[in-house]
Amino acid sequence: MKARNTRVGSIKQELVSKSREAALAAVQVFNNPLITFKSEMFIVNMHIAWTYLLHAHYRSQGIEYRYFKELPSGRKKYDKTKNGAYKYWELERCLNNIESPVDNDTANNLRFLIGLRHEIEHQMTSRIDDALSARFQACCLNFNDLIKKLFGNELGIDRYLSFSLQFTSLSDEQTGVMQEYRDILPAHVTRFVEGYDGDLSDVEFNSPKYAYRVLFTQKTASRPGQADKVIEFIDPESEAAKGINITYTQIKEREKTKYLPKQIEKLMQDEGYPKFNITKHTNLWKKIDAKNNTKGYGVQVVNTWYWYESWVSVVRQHCQNNKKKYQ
């Protein structure tokens, strides 16, 4: 038992180490002025970083994160590649797990990057770095917060990184171009961004964990001793902050699909889980406190609670993990 615990701890440490290395590589590549393929490489490296981080968490908690099928005997048959390697959960599967340590806003940010990766992985893109950098910055901050929360402050990557310095200033013409991302992004990426953002509530869209937006201003103070930093933080209620939001491209909010419990019951039964019913559904959401508003699984309208697609994904995964019980 001691040898096994030592091995589990060793693998966890290796996963955490690789996770940090991938995150550092993502930021270093993005800040490298000689690289023009920034966004694509950032997304791939951060995808790896988050996957390893969640694998390390699940291993530390004793949660199985390999794909398997449960045999009639009750034994597990693990899915493997043609070369005999185990198939581990991908990032989205890690996020969908009930025990995921990732909060709703951070998960929104990661699912955005996953979707963006699907859009650009087989097509050449250009000039998307500035238009989407707020999402990338949020991804970095979220990663740093979670790795410290799960495995200790000493594993944070913030002490290795700082704000990148620029050799050019931004003209009015340049800032105008940056604000009009529709003229920057390829059409298929624009459609993805607008569609994804449109499915978020105002609270989710404006969360700094989804997109970290910073206002840059030229220094106007002239007296010695005053703040002399590249970035200045201002009160959002101050006169200086008024009007900032009007420079953002407004995206029409689209109503998120909502489900009643009966609809979810029928949906699961149609997908091959006839023994899943309202009682099982109620027990599941109570077990994980799914109606807690901070989790973003649904919303109450007047006196009726409606579930979002994100909750349906959790229920579906629960049924898949308990096929013998519900089929």
C-alpha atoms as a PDB file:
ATOM      1  CA  MET A   1       0.000   0.000   0.000  1.00  0.00           C
ATOM      2  CA  LYS A   2       2.833   2.366   0.883  1.00  0.00           C
ATOM      3  CA  ALA A   3       4.533   1.681  -2.464  1.00  0.00           C
ATOM      4  CA  ARG A   4       1.282   2.352  -4.323  1.00  0.00           C
ATOM      5  CA  ASN A   5       0.723   5.644  -2.472  1.00  0.00           C
ATOM      6  CA  THR A   6       4.284   6.667  -3.293  1.00  0.00           C
ATOM      7  CA  ARG A   7       3.673   5.915  -6.989  1.00  0.00           C
ATOM      8  CA  VAL A   8       0.372   7.855  -7.011  1.00  0.00           C
ATOM      9  CA  GLY A   9       2.105  10.814  -5.393  1.00  0.00           C
ATOM     10  CA  SER A  10       4.962  10.646  -7.876  1.00  0.00           C
ATOM     11  CA  ILE A  11       2.624  10.631 -10.888  1.00  0.00           C
ATOM     12  CA  LYS A  12       0.614  13.511  -9.396  1.00  0.00           C
ATOM     13  CA  GLN A  13       3.784  15.575  -8.945  1.00  0.00           C
ATOM     14  CA  GLU A  14       4.839  14.837 -12.518  1.00  0.00           C
ATOM     15  CA  LEU A  15       1.421  15.934 -13.821  1.00  0.00           C
ATOM     16  CA  VAL A  16       1.550  19.168 -11.820  1.00  0.00           C
ATOM     17  CA  SER A  17       5.092  19.848 -13.031  1.00  0.00           C
ATOM     18  CA  LYS A  18       4.154  19.295 -16.679  1.00  0.00           C
ATOM     19  CA  SER A  19       1.057  21.419 -16.190  1.00  0.00           C
ATOM     20  CA  ARG A  20       3.130  24.372 -14.958  1.00  0.00           C
ATOM     21  CA  GLU A  21       5.660  23.955 -17.757  1.00  0.00           C
ATOM     22  CA  ALA A  22       2.924  23.970 -20.391  1.00  0.00           C
ATOM     23  CA  ALA A  23       1.334  27.107 -18.883  1.00  0.00           C
ATOM     24  CA  LEU A  24       4.672  28.925 -18.746  1.00  0.00           C
ATOM     25  CA  ALA A  25       5.393  27.899 -22.334  1.00  0.00           C
ATOM     26  CA  ALA A  26       1.992  29.256 -23.422  1.00  0.00           C
ATOM     27  CA  VAL A  27       2.653  32.688 -21.921  1.00  0.00           C
ATOM     28  CA  GLN A  28       6.277  32.862 -23.066  1.00  0.00           C
ATOM     29  CA  VAL A  29       5.267  32.047 -26.630  1.00  0.00           C
ATOM     30  CA  PHE A  30       2.476  34.617 -26.594  1.00  0.00           C
ATOM     31  CA  ASN A  31       4.840  37.324 -25.301  1.00  0.00           C
ATOM     32  CA  ASN A  32       7.574  36.490 -27.807  1.00  0.00           C
ATOM     33  CA  PRO A  33       7.682  39.298 -30.427  1.00  0.00           C
ATOM     34  CA  LEU A  34       9.354  37.018 -32.979  1.00  0.00           C
ATOM     35  CA  ILE A  35       6.458  34.556 -33.108  1.00  0.00           C
ATOM     36  CA  THR A  36       3.437  35.297 -35.286  1.00  0.00           C
ATOM     37  CA  PHE A  37       1.510  32.111 -34.512  1.00  0.00           C
ATOM     38  CA  LYS A  38       0.786  33.247 -30.936  1.00  0.00           C
ATOM     39  CA  SER A  39      -2.884  32.493 -30.310  1.00  0.00           C
ATOM     40  CA  GLU A  40      -2.815  29.026 -31.803  1.00  0.00           C
ATOM     41  CA  MET A  41       0.251  27.983 -29.767  1.00  0.00           C
ATOM     42  CA  PHE A  42      -1.124  29.603 -26.616  1.00  0.00           C
ATOM     43  CA  ILE A  43      -4.409  27.707 -26.896  1.00  0.00           C
ATOM     44  CA  VAL A  44      -2.709  24.345 -27.486  1.00  0.00           C
ATOM     45  CA  ASN A  45      -0.262  24.762 -24.591  1.00  0.00           C
ATOM     46  CA  MET A  46      -2.901  26.018 -22.140  1.00  0.00           C
ATOM     47  CA  HIS A  47      -5.179  23.173 -23.213  1.00  0.00           C
ATOM     48  CA  ILE A  48      -2.425  20.761 -22.187  1.00  0.00           C
ATOM     49  CA  ALA A  49      -1.713  22.690 -18.979  1.00  0.00           C
ATOM     50  CA  TRP A  50      -5.326  22.572 -17.797  1.00  0.00           C
ATOM     51  CA  THR A  51      -5.746  18.912 -18.752  1.00  0.00           C
ATOM     52  CA  TYR A  52      -2.687  17.870 -16.740  1.00  0.00           C
ATOM     53  CA  LEU A  53      -3.763  20.066 -13.828  1.00  0.00           C
ATOM     54  CA  LEU A  54      -7.185  18.409 -13.627  1.00  0.00           C
ATOM     55  CA  HIS A  55      -5.680  14.949 -14.084  1.00  0.00           C
ATOM     56  CA  ALA A  56      -3.385  15.693 -11.129  1.00  0.00           C
ATOM     57  CA  HIS A  57      -6.381  16.794  -9.037  1.00  0.00           C
ATOM     58  CA  TYR A  58      -8.435  13.713  -9.887  1.00  0.00           C
ATOM     59  CA  ARG A  59      -5.484  11.434  -9.154  1.00  0.00           C
ATOM     60  CA  SER A  60      -4.948  13.125  -5.770  1.00  0.00           C
ATOM     61  CA  GLN A  61      -8.647  12.595  -4.979  1.00  0.00           C
ATOM     62  CA  GLY A  62      -8.686   8.963  -6.122  1.00  0.00           C
ATOM     63  CA  ILE A  63     -11.122   9.719  -8.970  1.00  0.00           C
ATOM     64  CA  GLU A  64     -10.798   7.484 -12.034  1.00  0.00           C
ATOM     65  CA  TYR A  65     -10.058   9.656 -15.075  1.00  0.00           C
ATOM     66  CA  ARG A  66      -9.483   6.903 -17.601  1.00  0.00           C
ATOM     67  CA  TYR A  67     -12.182   5.809 -20.015  1.00  0.00           C
ATOM     68  CA  PHE A  68     -13.621   2.372 -19.293  1.00  0.00           C
ATOM     69  CA  LYS A  69     -16.636   0.136 -19.787  1.00  0.00           C
ATOM     70  CA  GLU A  70     -18.192  -1.752 -16.905  1.00  0.00           C
ATOM     71  CA  LEU A  71     -18.546  -5.462 -17.675  1.00  0.00           C
ATOM     72  CA  PRO A  72     -21.549  -7.556 -16.486  1.00  0.00           C
ATOM     73  CA  SER A  73     -19.232  -9.035 -13.863  1.00  0.00           C
ATOM     74  CA  GLY A  74     -18.707  -5.569 -12.402  1.00  0.00           C
ATOM     75  CA  ARG A  75     -15.093  -5.390 -13.549  1.00  0.00           C
ATOM     76  CA  LYS A  76     -13.785  -2.459 -15.553  1.00  0.00           C
ATOM     77  CA  LYS A  77     -12.503  -2.817 -19.090  1.00  0.00           C
ATOM     78  CA  TYR A  78     -10.312   0.184 -19.850  1.00  0.00           C
ATOM     79  CA  ASP A  79     -10.354   1.782 -23.287  1.00  0.00           C
ATOM     80  CA  LYS A  80      -6.930   1.782 -24.921  1.00  0.00           C
ATOM     81  CA  THR A  81      -5.262   3.071 -28.051  1.00  0.00           C
ATOM     82  CA  LYS A  82      -4.158   0.676 -30.789  1.00  0.00           C
ATOM     83  CA  ASN A  83      -0.725   0.687 -29.181  1.00  0.00           C
ATOM     84  CA  GLY A  84      -2.075  -0.315 -25.775  1.00  0.00           C
ATOM     85  CA  ALA A  85      -1.995   3.026 -23.941  1.00  0.00           C
ATOM     86  CA  TYR A  86      -4.848   4.068 -21.645  1.00  0.00           C
ATOM     87  CA  LYS A  87      -7.266   6.692 -22.961  1.00  0.00           C
ATOM     88  CA  TYR A  88      -7.483   9.504 -20.429  1.00  0.00           C
ATOM     89  CA  TRP A  89     -10.199  12.142 -20.188  1.00  0.00           C
ATOM     90  CA  GLU A  90      -9.835  15.141 -22.462  1.00  0.00           C
ATOM     91  CA  LEU A  91     -10.234  18.639 -21.004  1.00  0.00           C
ATOM     92  CA  GLU A  92     -13.961  19.002 -21.711  1.00  0.00           C
ATOM     93  CA  ARG A  93     -14.681  15.644 -20.090  1.00  0.00           C
ATOM     94  CA  CYS A  94     -12.694  16.773 -17.039  1.00  0.00           C
ATOM     95  CA  LEU A  95     -14.821  19.930 -16.830  1.00  0.00           C
ATOM     96  CA  ASN A  96     -18.070  17.958 -17.094  1.00  0.00           C
ATOM     97  CA  ASN A  97     -17.261  15.737 -14.140  1.00  0.00           C
ATOM     98  CA  ILE A  98     -19.391  16.379 -11.051  1.00  0.00           C
ATOM     99  CA  GLU A  99     -16.251  16.565  -8.898  1.00  0.00           C
ATOM    100  CA  SER A 100     -14.590  19.183 -11.095  1.00  0.00           C
ATOM    101  CA  PRO A 101     -12.892  21.907  -8.990  1.00  0.00           C
ATOM    102  CA  VAL A 102     -13.389  24.476 -11.786  1.00  0.00           C
ATOM    103  CA  ASP A 103     -16.024  27.157 -11.132  1.00  0.00           C
ATOM    104  CA  ASN A 104     -18.636  28.112 -13.730  1.00  0.00           C
ATOM    105  CA  ASP A 105     -16.998  31.297 -15.065  1.00  0.00           C
ATOM    106  CA  THR A 106     -13.613  29.628 -15.426  1.00  0.00           C
ATOM    107  CA  ALA A 107     -15.277  26.682 -17.179  1.00  0.00           C
ATOM    108  CA  ASN A 108     -16.964  29.138 -19.579  1.00  0.00           C
ATOM    109  CA  ASN A 109     -13.548  30.567 -20.425  1.00  0.00           C
ATOM    110  CA  LEU A 110     -12.055  27.121 -21.031  1.00  0.00           C
ATOM    111  CA  ARG A 111     -14.984  25.906 -23.123  1.00  0.00           C
ATOM    112  CA  PHE A 112     -14.575  29.051 -25.232  1.00  0.00           C
ATOM    113  CA  LEU A 113     -10.923  28.164 -25.852  1.00  0.00           C
ATOM    114  CA  ILE A 114     -11.852  24.550 -26.624  1.00  0.00           C
ATOM    115  CA  GLY A 115     -14.420  25.703 -29.179  1.00  0.00           C
ATOM    116  CA  LEU A 116     -11.980  28.230 -30.634  1.00  0.00           C
ATOM    117  CA  ARG A 117      -9.366  25.501 -30.991  1.00  0.00           C
ATOM    118  CA  HIS A 118     -11.817  23.407 -32.997  1.00  0.00           C
ATOM    119  CA  GLU A 119     -12.448  26.400 -35.272  1.00  0.00           C
ATOM    120  CA  ILE A 120      -8.807  27.171 -36.029  1.00  0.00           C
ATOM    121  CA  GLU A 121      -6.920  23.880 -35.724  1.00  0.00           C
ATOM    122  CA  HIS A 122      -7.332  22.998 -39.408  1.00  0.00           C
ATOM    123  CA  GLN A 123      -7.334  26.513 -40.854  1.00  0.00           C
ATOM    124  CA  MET A 124      -4.747  29.267 -40.984  1.00  0.00           C
ATOM    125  CA  THR A 125      -5.737  32.389 -39.041  1.00  0.00           C
ATOM    126  CA  SER A 126      -4.236  35.834 -38.637  1.00  0.00           C
ATOM    127  CA  ARG A 127      -4.521  38.894 -36.401  1.00  0.00           C
ATOM    128  CA  ILE A 128      -6.627  37.277 -33.692  1.00  0.00           C
ATOM    129  CA  ASP A 129      -4.139  37.879 -30.848  1.00  0.00           C
ATOM    130  CA  ASP A 130      -5.324  41.353 -29.823  1.00  0.00           C
ATOM    131  CA  ALA A 131      -9.006  40.647 -30.406  1.00  0.00           C
ATOM    132  CA  LEU A 132      -9.073  37.654 -28.032  1.00  0.00           C
ATOM    133  CA  SER A 133      -6.313  38.528 -25.565  1.00  0.00           C
ATOM    134  CA  ALA A 134      -8.791  39.278 -22.748  1.00  0.00           C
ATOM    135  CA  ARG A 135      -9.909  35.625 -22.809  1.00  0.00           C
ATOM    136  CA  PHE A 136      -6.285  34.469 -22.822  1.00  0.00           C
ATOM    137  CA  GLN A 137      -5.384  36.710 -19.875  1.00  0.00           C
ATOM    138  CA  ALA A 138      -8.327  35.378 -17.876  1.00  0.00           C
ATOM    139  CA  CYS A 139      -7.244  31.817 -18.677  1.00  0.00           C
ATOM    140  CA  CYS A 140      -3.762  32.502 -17.249  1.00  0.00           C
ATOM    141  CA  LEU A 141      -5.058  34.125 -14.068  1.00  0.00           C
ATOM    142  CA  ASN A 142      -7.595  31.343 -13.543  1.00  0.00           C
ATOM    143  CA  PHE A 143      -4.893  28.694 -13.969  1.00  0.00           C
ATOM    144  CA  ASN A 144      -2.599  30.419 -11.500  1.00  0.00           C
ATOM    145  CA  ASP A 145      -5.398  30.724  -8.922  1.00  0.00           C
ATOM    146  CA  LEU A 146      -6.449  27.084  -9.186  1.00  0.00           C
ATOM    147  CA  ILE A 147      -3.017  25.479  -9.150  1.00  0.00           C
ATOM    148  CA  LYS A 148      -2.228  27.407  -5.950  1.00  0.00           C
ATOM    149  CA  LYS A 149      -5.592  26.521  -4.440  1.00  0.00           C
ATOM    150  CA  LEU A 150      -5.213  22.804  -5.200  1.00  0.00           C
ATOM    151  CA  PHE A 151      -1.502  22.243  -4.640  1.00  0.00           C
ATOM    152  CA  GLY A 152      -0.081  25.205  -2.715  1.00  0.00           C
ATOM    153  CA  ASN A 153       1.015  28.820  -3.263  1.00  0.00           C
ATOM    154  CA  GLU A 154       4.579  27.771  -4.001  1.00  0.00           C
ATOM    155  CA  LEU A 155       3.421  26.240  -7.291  1.00  0.00           C
ATOM    156  CA  GLY A 156       1.963  29.468  -8.652  1.00  0.00           C
ATOM    157  CA  ILE A 157       3.446  30.803 -11.874  1.00  0.00           C
ATOM    158  CA  ASP A 158       2.839  34.485 -11.167  1.00  0.00           C
ATOM    159  CA  ARG A 159       6.311  34.997  -9.670  1.00  0.00           C
ATOM    160  CA  TYR A 160       7.912  33.977 -12.978  1.00  0.00           C
ATOM    161  CA  LEU A 161       5.884  36.327 -15.145  1.00  0.00           C
ATOM    162  CA  SER A 162       5.323  40.025 -15.536  1.00  0.00           C
ATOM    163  CA  PHE A 163       3.593  42.329 -17.999  1.00  0.00           C
ATOM    164  CA  SER A 164       5.257  42.268 -21.398  1.00  0.00           C
ATOM    165  CA  LEU A 165       6.860  45.520 -22.502  1.00  0.00           C
ATOM    166  CA  GLN A 166       5.940  47.118 -25.820  1.00  0.00           C
ATOM    167  CA  PHE A 167       8.226  48.962 -28.268  1.00  0.00           C
ATOM    168  CA  THR A 168       5.356  50.834 -29.923  1.00  0.00           C
ATOM    169  CA  SER A 169       2.533  53.023 -28.749  1.00  0.00           C
ATOM    170  CA  LEU A 170      -0.998  52.700 -30.039  1.00  0.00           C
ATOM    171  CA  SER A 171      -2.359  55.330 -32.371  1.00  0.00           C
ATOM    172  CA  ASP A 172      -6.065  56.223 -32.496  1.00  0.00           C
ATOM    173  CA  GLU A 173      -6.270  54.337 -35.782  1.00  0.00           C
ATOM    174  CA  GLN A 174      -4.732  51.203 -34.249  1.00  0.00           C
ATOM    175  CA  THR A 175      -7.028  51.210 -31.215  1.00  0.00           C
ATOM    176  CA  GLY A 176     -10.024  51.661 -33.459  1.00  0.00           C
ATOM    177  CA  VAL A 177      -9.034  48.599 -35.458  1.00  0.00           C
ATOM    178  CA  MET A 178      -8.539  46.566 -32.279  1.00  0.00           C
ATOM    179  CA  GLN A 179     -12.026  47.459 -31.079  1.00  0.00           C
ATOM    180  CA  GLU A 180     -13.706  46.370 -34.319  1.00  0.00           C
ATOM    181  CA  TYR A 181     -12.865  42.696 -34.049  1.00  0.00           C
ATOM    182  CA  ARG A 182     -15.343  41.785 -36.770  1.00  0.00           C
ATOM    183  CA  ASP A 183     -12.888  43.335 -39.255  1.00  0.00           C
ATOM    184  CA  ILE A 184      -9.981  41.394 -37.733  1.00  0.00           C
ATOM    185  CA  LEU A 185     -11.219  37.874 -37.187  1.00  0.00           C
ATOM    186  CA  PRO A 186     -11.960  35.388 -39.964  1.00  0.00           C
ATOM    187  CA  ALA A 187     -15.700  35.049 -40.578  1.00  0.00           C
ATOM    188  CA  HIS A 188     -15.964  31.530 -39.127  1.00  0.00           C
ATOM    189  CA  VAL A 189     -14.182  32.622 -35.935  1.00  0.00           C
ATOM    190  CA  THR A 190     -16.394  35.708 -35.635  1.00  0.00           C
ATOM    191  CA  ARG A 191     -19.499  33.520 -35.889  1.00  0.00           C
ATOM    192  CA  PHE A 192     -18.151  31.232 -33.182  1.00  0.00           C
ATOM    193  CA  VAL A 193     -17.292  34.138 -30.830  1.00  0.00           C
ATOM    194  CA  GLU A 194     -20.658  35.830 -31.267  1.00  0.00           C
ATOM    195  CA  GLY A 195     -22.529  32.564 -30.870  1.00  0.00           C
ATOM    196  CA  TYR A 196     -20.648  31.544 -27.721  1.00  0.00           C
ATOM    197  CA  ASP A 197     -20.846  34.990 -26.107  1.00  0.00           C
ATOM    198  CA  GLY A 198     -24.510  35.240 -27.014  1.00  0.00           C
ATOM    199  CA  ASP A 199     -25.282  32.098 -25.021  1.00  0.00           C
ATOM    200  CA  LEU A 200     -23.826  33.592 -21.830  1.00  0.00           C
ATOM    201  CA  SER A 201     -25.794  35.662 -19.359  1.00  0.00           C
ATOM    202  CA  ASP A 202     -24.701  39.269 -18.715  1.00  0.00           C
ATOM    203  CA  VAL A 203     -23.144  38.188 -15.420  1.00  0.00           C
ATOM    204  CA  GLU A 204     -21.194  35.361 -17.075  1.00  0.00           C
ATOM    205  CA  PHE A 205     -20.056  37.522 -19.996  1.00  0.00           C
ATOM    206  CA  ASN A 206     -18.803  40.314 -17.732  1.00  0.00           C
ATOM    207  CA  SER A 207     -16.983  38.021 -15.304  1.00  0.00           C
ATOM    208  CA  PRO A 208     -13.196  38.696 -15.173  1.00  0.00           C
ATOM    209  CA  LYS A 209     -12.757  34.924 -15.041  1.00  0.00           C
ATOM    210  CA  TYR A 210     -14.268  34.707 -18.509  1.00  0.00           C
ATOM    211  CA  ALA A 211     -12.455  37.673 -20.054  1.00  0.00           C
ATOM    212  CA  TYR A 212     -10.006  39.867 -18.139  1.00  0.00           C
ATOM    213  CA  ARG A 213     -10.336  43.373 -19.566  1.00  0.00           C
ATOM    214  CA  VAL A 214      -7.924  46.122 -18.559  1.00  0.00           C
ATOM    215  CA  LEU A 215      -8.109  49.790 -19.508  1.00  0.00           C
ATOM    216  CA  PHE A 216      -4.746  51.312 -20.541  1.00  0.00           C
ATOM    217  CA  THR A 217      -4.335  55.093 -20.318  1.00  0.00           C
ATOM    218  CA  GLN A 218      -1.430  57.429 -20.888  1.00  0.00           C
ATOM    219  CA  LYS A 219       0.053  58.853 -17.682  1.00  0.00           C
ATOM    220  CA  THR A 220      -1.183  62.398 -17.080  1.00  0.00           C
ATOM    221  CA  ALA A 221       0.360  62.996 -13.662  1.00  0.00           C
ATOM    222  CA  SER A 222       3.530  65.072 -13.711  1.00  0.00           C
ATOM    223  CA  ARG A 223       4.549  65.480 -10.055  1.00  0.00           C
ATOM    224  CA  PRO A 224       7.424  63.303  -8.711  1.00  0.00           C
ATOM    225  CA  GLY A 225       6.335  60.590  -6.295  1.00  0.00           C
ATOM    226  CA  GLN A 226       3.078  59.819  -8.028  1.00  0.00           C
ATOM    227  CA  ALA A 227       2.298  56.327  -9.301  1.00  0.00           C
ATOM    228  CA  ASP A 228       4.676  55.360 -12.086  1.00  0.00           C
ATOM    229  CA  LYS A 229       3.356  52.055 -13.376  1.00  0.00           C
ATOM    230  CA  VAL A 230       2.371  51.005 -16.855  1.00  0.00           C
ATOM    231  CA  ILE A 231      -1.026  49.839 -15.625  1.00  0.00           C
ATOM    232  CA  GLU A 232      -3.229  51.923 -13.382  1.00  0.00           C
ATOM    233  CA  PHE A 233      -6.404  50.614 -11.746  1.00  0.00           C
ATOM    234  CA  ILE A 234      -9.315  52.997 -11.550  1.00  0.00           C
ATOM    235  CA  ASP A 235     -12.603  52.959  -9.664  1.00  0.00           C
ATOM    236  CA  PRO A 236     -15.283  51.615 -12.032  1.00  0.00           C
ATOM    237  CA  GLU A 237     -17.686  54.205 -10.621  1.00  0.00           C
ATOM    238  CA  SER A 238     -15.328  57.143 -11.194  1.00  0.00           C
ATOM    239  CA  GLU A 239     -15.671  59.791 -13.902  1.00  0.00           C
ATOM    240  CA  ALA A 240     -12.656  58.307 -15.696  1.00  0.00           C
ATOM    241  CA  ALA A 241     -14.403  54.981 -16.043  1.00  0.00           C
ATOM    242  CA  LYS A 242     -17.643  56.342 -17.484  1.00  0.00           C
ATOM    243  CA  GLY A 243     -18.157  55.576 -21.099  1.00  0.00           C
ATOM    244  CA  ILE A 244     -15.573  52.786 -21.256  1.00  0.00           C
ATOM    245  CA  ASN A 245     -18.110  50.108 -22.022  1.00  0.00           C
ATOM    246  CA  ILE A 246     -19.483  51.971 -25.026  1.00  0.00           C
ATOM    247  CA  THR A 247     -16.239  51.185 -26.880  1.00  0.00           C
ATOM    248  CA  TYR A 248     -16.940  47.473 -26.665  1.00  0.00           C
ATOM    249  CA  THR A 249     -18.694  45.814 -29.558  1.00  0.00           C
ATOM    250  CA  GLN A 250     -22.190  45.034 -28.387  1.00  0.00           C
ATOM    251  CA  ILE A 251     -23.290  41.456 -28.935  1.00  0.00           C
ATOM    252  CA  LYS A 252     -26.980  40.703 -28.927  1.00  0.00           C
ATOM    253  CA  GLU A 253     -27.768  38.310 -26.088  1.00  0.00           C
ATOM    254  CA  ARG A 254     -29.550  35.180 -27.176  1.00  0.00           C
ATOM    255  CA  GLU A 255     -31.806  33.234 -24.896  1.00  0.00           C
ATOM    256  CA  LYS A 256     -30.176  30.111 -23.502  1.00  0.00           C
ATOM    257  CA  THR A 257     -32.020  26.836 -24.013  1.00  0.00           C
ATOM    258  CA  LYS A 258     -33.870  25.834 -20.844  1.00  0.00           C
ATOM    259  CA  TYR A 259     -35.115  22.411 -19.753  1.00  0.00           C
ATOM    260  CA  LEU A 260     -37.731  21.274 -17.264  1.00  0.00           C
ATOM    261  CA  PRO A 261     -36.972  18.101 -15.239  1.00  0.00           C
ATOM    262  CA  LYS A 262     -39.524  16.124 -17.267  1.00  0.00           C
ATOM    263  CA  GLN A 263     -37.714  17.070 -20.475  1.00  0.00           C
ATOM    264  CA  ILE A 264     -34.384  15.913 -19.075  1.00  0.00           C
ATOM    265  CA  GLU A 265     -35.951  12.643 -17.911  1.00  0.00           C
ATOM    266  CA  LYS A 266     -37.321  11.975 -21.414  1.00  0.00           C
ATOM    267  CA  LEU A 267     -34.056  13.025 -23.035  1.00  0.00           C
ATOM    268  CA  MET A 268     -32.050  10.534 -20.969  1.00  0.00           C
ATOM    269  CA  GLN A 269     -34.568   7.763 -21.505  1.00  0.00           C
ATOM    270  CA  ASP A 270     -34.467   8.384 -25.266  1.00  0.00           C
ATOM    271  CA  GLU A 271     -30.668   8.140 -25.127  1.00  0.00           C
ATOM    272  CA  GLY A 272     -30.864   4.647 -23.671  1.00  0.00           C
ATOM    273  CA  TYR A 273     -31.326   5.055 -19.914  1.00  0.00           C
ATOM    274  CA  PRO A 274     -34.971   3.985 -19.314  1.00  0.00           C
ATOM    275  CA  LYS A 275     -34.511   3.645 -15.546  1.00  0.00           C
ATOM    276  CA  PHE A 276     -33.477   7.265 -15.116  1.00  0.00           C
ATOM    277  CA  ASN A 277     -36.476   9.156 -13.735  1.00  0.00           C
ATOM    278  CA  ILE A 278     -37.486  12.355 -11.920  1.00  0.00           C
ATOM    279  CA  THR A 279     -36.603  10.904  -8.523  1.00  0.00           C
ATOM    280  CA  LYS A 280     -33.095  10.000  -9.700  1.00  0.00           C
ATOM    281  CA  HIS A 281     -32.745  13.460 -11.206  1.00  0.00           C
ATOM    282  CA  THR A 282     -33.819  15.151  -7.974  1.00  0.00           C
ATOM    283  CA  ASN A 283     -31.425  13.047  -5.921  1.00  0.00           C
ATOM    284  CA  LEU A 284     -28.579  13.984  -8.259  1.00  0.00           C
ATOM    285  CA  TRP A 285     -29.050  17.736  -8.180  1.00  0.00           C
ATOM    286  CA  LYS A 286     -29.547  17.733  -4.409  1.00  0.00           C
ATOM    287  CA  LYS A 287     -26.394  15.681  -3.899  1.00  0.00           C
ATOM    288  CA  ILE A 288     -24.192  18.268  -5.594  1.00  0.00           C
ATOM    289  CA  ASP A 289     -26.236  21.387  -4.741  1.00  0.00           C
ATOM    290  CA  ALA A 290     -26.770  22.036  -8.447  1.00  0.00           C
ATOM    291  CA  LYS A 291     -29.334  24.805  -7.858  1.00  0.00           C
ATOM    292  CA  ASN A 292     -26.643  26.916  -6.230  1.00  0.00           C
ATOM    293  CA  ASN A 293     -26.563  29.986  -8.488  1.00  0.00           C
ATOM    294  CA  THR A 294     -22.769  30.142  -8.416  1.00  0.00           C
ATOM    295  CA  LYS A 295     -22.605  26.890 -10.396  1.00  0.00           C
ATOM    296  CA  GLY A 296     -24.537  28.273 -13.358  1.00  0.00           C
ATOM    297  CA  TYR A 297     -26.522  25.110 -14.056  1.00  0.00           C
ATOM    298  CA  GLY A 298     -29.907  26.793 -14.278  1.00  0.00           C
ATOM    299  CA  VAL A 299     -32.140  29.705 -13.397  1.00  0.00           C
ATOM    300  CA  GLN A 300     -35.387  30.315 -11.538  1.00  0.00           C
ATOM    301  CA  VAL A 301     -38.107  32.117 -13.511  1.00  0.00           C
ATOM    302  CA  VAL A 302     -40.941  33.233 -11.220  1.00  0.00           C
ATOM    303  CA  ASN A 303     -41.609  29.990  -9.277  1.00  0.00           C
ATOM    304  CA  THR A 304     -40.164  27.483 -11.753  1.00  0.00           C
ATOM    305  CA  TRP A 305     -36.586  26.265 -11.988  1.00  0.00           C
ATOM    306  CA  TYR A 306     -35.168  25.677 -15.471  1.00  0.00           C
ATOM    307  CA  TRP A 307     -31.963  23.776 -16.262  1.00  0.00           C
ATOM    308  CA  TYR A 308     -29.341  24.840 -18.808  1.00  0.00           C
ATOM    309  CA  GLU A 309     -27.505  22.679 -21.336  1.00  0.00           C
ATOM    310  CA  SER A 310     -24.475  22.555 -19.011  1.00  0.00           C
ATOM    311  CA  TRP A 311     -26.589  20.642 -16.469  1.00  0.00           C
ATOM    312  CA  VAL A 312     -27.879  18.271 -19.135  1.00  0.00           C
ATOM    313  CA  SER A 313     -24.227  17.438 -19.907  1.00  0.00           C
ATOM    314  CA  VAL A 314     -23.628  16.625 -16.241  1.00  0.00           C
ATOM    315  CA  VAL A 315     -26.726  14.387 -16.110  1.00  0.00           C
ATOM    316  CA  ARG A 316     -25.703  12.653 -19.330  1.00  0.00           C
ATOM    317  CA  GLN A 317     -22.235  11.976 -17.961  1.00  0.00           C
ATOM    318  CA  HIS A 318     -23.766  10.678 -14.722  1.00  0.00           C
ATOM    319  CA  CYS A 319     -25.918   8.227 -16.708  1.00  0.00           C
ATOM    320  CA  GLN A 320     -22.928   7.117 -18.786  1.00  0.00           C
ATOM    321  CA  ASN A 321     -20.962   6.464 -15.604  1.00  0.00           C
ATOM    322  CA  ASN A 322     -23.842   4.410 -14.199  1.00  0.00           C
ATOM    323  CA  LYS A 323     -25.043   2.520 -17.276  1.00  0.00           C
ATOM    324  CA  LYS A 324     -25.742  -0.685 -15.362  1.00  0.00           C
ATOM    325  CA  LYS A 325     -27.992   1.208 -12.966  1.00  0.00           C
ATOM    326  CA  TYR A 326     -30.106   3.014 -15.563  1.00  0.00           C
ATOM    327  CA  GLN A 327     -30.269   0.678 -18.572  1.00  0.00           C
END
